[in-house]
Amino acid sequence: MHKGFTLIETLVAMSIGVIIMIAIGTFARNIFFNNSVQSGSFSTAQDARNITRTMVSELRGASPGSDGSYPIVAAGTSTITFFSDINGDGLKEKIRYYLATTTLKKGVITPTGSPLAYTGGEVSSILAYNVRNTASTSIFNYYDDNFTGTSSPLTQPVDVSAVRLVQVNLILDADPNRSPLPRTYTSAATLRNLKDNL
């Protein structure tokens, strides 16, 4: 009597082993993928919170420029330019937040000279990649002193002297070809130095 496996038994055992290895490999790949998506989503959310927190803080402190200019220079759907003392040195920097394709950037001009003027070059930095706002989903919405919480934003072109509240809406999606779906991060800033009810 011969002891051992027949050819069919060996093939069946190998097939079962291959199926188990494929199942384990697929399970491990799915865990790795889901972990990477969740980690990326958490990182994006944290970055968005930090960006909107900084923007709102600087917008709240908007005040006349060091050259006497009105606090808000321009108010567009994907750009805003205003003056604010962002480093606490007593001088008001000229700040511009703007969308360049899908990249949110911040430009700063520090006043120089005597009398002070904003003639220096703008120093730009990148705040966020993969911004998915479109023409129908403005980054910046503007409201006047009649804002009740449900009011419609001011229509473009915005009269900057009417702006009392700026709403920031960032739609971020690191990879539009895979999950999760784009997320919107919203915050708002009341312009303290332009309040009418003081």
Protein backbone atom coordinates (compact mmCIF):
# COMPACT_ATOMS: atom_id res chain seq x y z
CA MET A 1 0.00 0.00 0.00
CA HIS A 2 1.40 3.42 -1.06
CA LYS A 3 1.19 6.32 1.35
CA GLY A 4 0.97 9.97 0.13
CA PHE A 5 -1.22 12.30 -1.84
CA THR A 6 -2.58 11.64 -5.26
CA LEU A 7 -2.20 14.27 -7.97
CA ILE A 8 -5.82 15.36 -7.57
CA GLU A 9 -5.49 15.72 -3.80
CA THR A 10 -2.34 17.81 -4.27
CA LEU A 11 -4.06 20.10 -6.82
CA VAL A 12 -7.10 20.54 -4.55
CA ALA A 13 -4.87 21.39 -1.56
CA MET A 14 -2.87 23.90 -3.65
CA SER A 15 -6.08 25.48 -4.98
CA ILE A 16 -7.44 25.90 -1.47
CA GLY A 17 -4.12 27.42 -0.36
CA VAL A 18 -4.12 29.89 -3.28
CA ILE A 19 -7.73 30.91 -2.55
CA ILE A 20 -6.88 31.50 1.13
CA MET A 21 -3.78 33.57 0.19
CA ILE A 22 -5.81 35.69 -2.27
CA ALA A 23 -8.50 36.28 0.37
CA ILE A 24 -5.91 37.31 2.99
CA GLY A 25 -4.10 39.54 0.48
CA THR A 26 -7.35 41.26 -0.57
CA PHE A 27 -8.37 41.74 3.06
CA ALA A 28 -4.96 43.26 3.92
CA ARG A 29 -5.06 45.54 0.85
CA ASN A 30 -8.55 46.77 1.75
CA ILE A 31 -7.49 47.50 5.32
CA PHE A 32 -4.42 49.41 4.10
CA PHE A 33 -6.48 51.37 1.54
CA ASN A 34 -9.23 52.27 4.05
CA ASN A 35 -6.63 53.29 6.62
CA SER A 36 -4.89 55.51 4.06
CA VAL A 37 -8.21 57.12 3.02
CA GLN A 38 -9.21 57.78 6.63
CA SER A 39 -5.77 59.16 7.48
CA GLY A 40 -5.84 61.44 4.44
CA SER A 41 -9.36 62.57 5.25
CA PHE A 42 -8.40 63.38 8.85
CA SER A 43 -5.30 65.27 7.70
CA THR A 44 -7.34 67.26 5.14
CA ALA A 45 -9.96 68.13 7.76
CA GLN A 46 -7.29 69.30 10.22
CA ASP A 47 -5.57 71.39 7.54
CA ALA A 48 -8.91 72.94 6.50
CA ARG A 49 -9.71 73.86 10.10
CA ASN A 50 -6.32 75.50 10.56
CA ILE A 51 -6.62 77.42 7.28
CA THR A 52 -10.15 78.70 7.94
CA ARG A 53 -9.24 79.57 11.55
CA THR A 54 -6.34 81.74 10.34
CA MET A 55 -8.41 83.36 7.59
CA VAL A 56 -11.27 84.16 9.95
CA SER A 57 -8.91 85.59 12.58
CA GLU A 58 -7.23 87.87 10.05
CA LEU A 59 -10.57 88.95 8.53
CA ARG A 60 -11.98 89.78 11.98
CA GLY A 61 -9.02 92.12 12.49
CA ALA A 62 -9.46 93.87 9.13
CA SER A 63 -8.87 97.59 9.59
CA PRO A 64 -7.74 100.61 7.56
CA GLY A 65 -4.38 100.16 5.88
CA SER A 66 -1.27 101.84 7.24
CA ASP A 67 -1.62 104.28 4.33
CA GLY A 68 -5.22 105.10 5.33
CA SER A 69 -6.88 102.86 2.69
CA TYR A 70 -10.31 101.35 3.32
CA PRO A 71 -10.05 97.98 5.17
CA ILE A 72 -11.32 95.90 2.21
CA VAL A 73 -9.67 96.43 -1.16
CA ALA A 74 -11.42 93.76 -3.27
CA ALA A 75 -14.16 91.20 -2.63
CA GLY A 76 -14.52 88.51 -5.30
CA THR A 77 -15.92 84.99 -5.28
CA SER A 78 -12.48 83.34 -5.24
CA THR A 79 -10.33 86.20 -3.96
CA ILE A 80 -10.37 88.78 -1.19
CA THR A 81 -7.88 91.55 -0.45
CA PHE A 82 -7.88 93.44 2.85
CA PHE A 83 -5.63 95.03 5.48
CA SER A 84 -4.89 93.45 8.85
CA ASP A 85 -2.04 93.44 11.37
CA ILE A 86 -1.22 89.74 11.16
CA ASN A 87 2.07 89.81 13.07
CA GLY A 88 1.24 92.27 15.86
CA ASP A 89 3.85 94.89 14.87
CA GLY A 90 1.34 97.75 14.60
CA LEU A 91 1.58 97.89 10.80
CA LYS A 92 -1.31 96.65 8.69
CA GLU A 93 -0.24 94.12 6.06
CA LYS A 94 -2.10 93.97 2.77
CA ILE A 95 -3.41 90.39 2.55
CA ARG A 96 -4.78 88.65 -0.50
CA TYR A 97 -6.34 85.19 -0.40
CA TYR A 98 -6.89 83.81 -3.88
CA LEU A 99 -7.52 80.62 -5.81
CA ALA A 100 -5.03 79.75 -8.56
CA THR A 101 -6.63 76.86 -10.46
CA THR A 102 -7.04 74.35 -7.59
CA THR A 103 -4.49 75.87 -5.20
CA LEU A 104 -5.46 78.31 -2.45
CA LYS A 105 -2.74 80.91 -1.91
CA LYS A 106 -2.07 83.80 0.42
CA GLY A 107 -0.18 86.90 -0.64
CA VAL A 108 1.16 89.49 1.81
CA ILE A 109 2.58 92.95 1.18
CA THR A 110 4.20 94.77 4.12
CA PRO A 111 4.03 98.58 4.06
CA THR A 112 7.37 100.38 3.74
CA GLY A 113 8.70 103.88 3.33
CA SER A 114 7.77 107.25 4.75
CA PRO A 115 4.92 107.83 4.31
CA LEU A 116 4.01 104.15 4.47
CA ALA A 117 2.97 102.60 1.15
CA TYR A 118 2.31 99.12 -0.25
CA THR A 119 4.85 99.25 -3.06
CA GLY A 120 6.87 96.13 -2.22
CA GLY A 121 6.41 92.81 -3.92
CA GLU A 122 3.79 90.38 -2.71
CA VAL A 123 5.14 87.36 -0.84
CA SER A 124 2.95 84.37 -1.66
CA SER A 125 2.53 81.08 0.15
CA ILE A 126 0.44 78.01 -0.59
CA LEU A 127 -2.29 77.17 1.90
CA ALA A 128 -4.08 74.24 0.27
CA TYR A 129 -3.97 72.08 -2.81
CA ASN A 130 -6.94 70.27 -4.34
CA VAL A 131 -9.50 73.02 -3.74
CA ARG A 132 -12.61 72.07 -5.74
CA ASN A 133 -14.64 75.28 -5.53
CA THR A 134 -16.18 76.27 -8.86
CA ALA A 135 -17.92 79.35 -10.23
CA SER A 136 -21.17 78.12 -8.63
CA THR A 137 -19.52 77.37 -5.27
CA SER A 138 -17.80 80.58 -4.20
CA ILE A 139 -14.99 80.47 -1.66
CA PHE A 140 -16.04 83.88 -0.33
CA ASN A 141 -19.58 85.12 0.28
CA TYR A 142 -20.23 88.60 1.60
CA TYR A 143 -23.07 89.93 3.75
CA ASP A 144 -24.10 93.40 4.89
CA ASP A 145 -25.31 94.51 8.31
CA ASN A 146 -28.79 93.10 7.58
CA PHE A 147 -27.50 89.51 7.74
CA THR A 148 -29.92 87.33 9.71
CA GLY A 149 -28.30 83.93 9.26
CA THR A 150 -30.45 82.96 6.29
CA SER A 151 -29.93 86.03 4.08
CA SER A 152 -28.60 85.73 0.55
CA PRO A 153 -25.05 86.95 0.01
CA LEU A 154 -24.38 90.29 -1.66
CA THR A 155 -24.32 90.04 -5.44
CA GLN A 156 -21.15 90.52 -7.47
CA PRO A 157 -19.60 92.96 -7.98
CA VAL A 158 -19.71 93.57 -4.24
CA ASP A 159 -19.68 97.11 -2.85
CA VAL A 160 -16.84 96.66 -0.33
CA SER A 161 -18.20 99.45 1.88
CA ALA A 162 -21.34 97.33 2.52
CA VAL A 163 -19.47 94.19 3.69
CA ARG A 164 -19.82 93.39 7.39
CA LEU A 165 -19.46 89.60 7.38
CA VAL A 166 -17.37 87.29 5.21
CA GLN A 167 -18.19 83.61 4.89
CA VAL A 168 -15.40 81.23 3.84
CA ASN A 169 -16.34 77.96 2.09
CA LEU A 170 -13.56 75.55 1.16
CA ILE A 171 -14.34 72.40 -0.82
CA LEU A 172 -11.40 70.01 -0.61
CA ASP A 173 -10.84 66.67 -2.32
CA ALA A 174 -7.34 65.21 -2.48
CA ASP A 175 -8.27 62.76 -5.23
CA PRO A 176 -11.54 63.20 -7.15
CA ASN A 177 -11.15 59.71 -8.63
CA ARG A 178 -11.55 57.89 -5.32
CA SER A 179 -13.44 57.98 -2.05
CA PRO A 180 -14.19 59.94 0.09
CA LEU A 181 -16.31 62.55 -1.64
CA PRO A 182 -15.28 66.23 -1.48
CA ARG A 183 -15.90 67.87 1.86
CA THR A 184 -16.94 71.46 2.49
CA TYR A 185 -15.47 73.43 5.39
CA THR A 186 -17.28 76.64 6.29
CA SER A 187 -16.56 79.46 8.70
CA ALA A 188 -17.49 83.14 8.94
CA ALA A 189 -15.94 86.33 10.24
CA THR A 190 -17.68 89.48 11.38
CA LEU A 191 -15.44 92.44 10.58
CA ARG A 192 -15.03 93.90 14.07
CA ASN A 193 -13.71 97.29 12.98
CA LEU A 194 -16.60 97.85 10.55
CA LYS A 195 -19.51 97.21 12.90
CA ASP A 196 -22.28 99.79 12.63
CA ASN A 197 -23.81 99.08 16.02
CA LEU A 198 -20.90 100.24 18.22
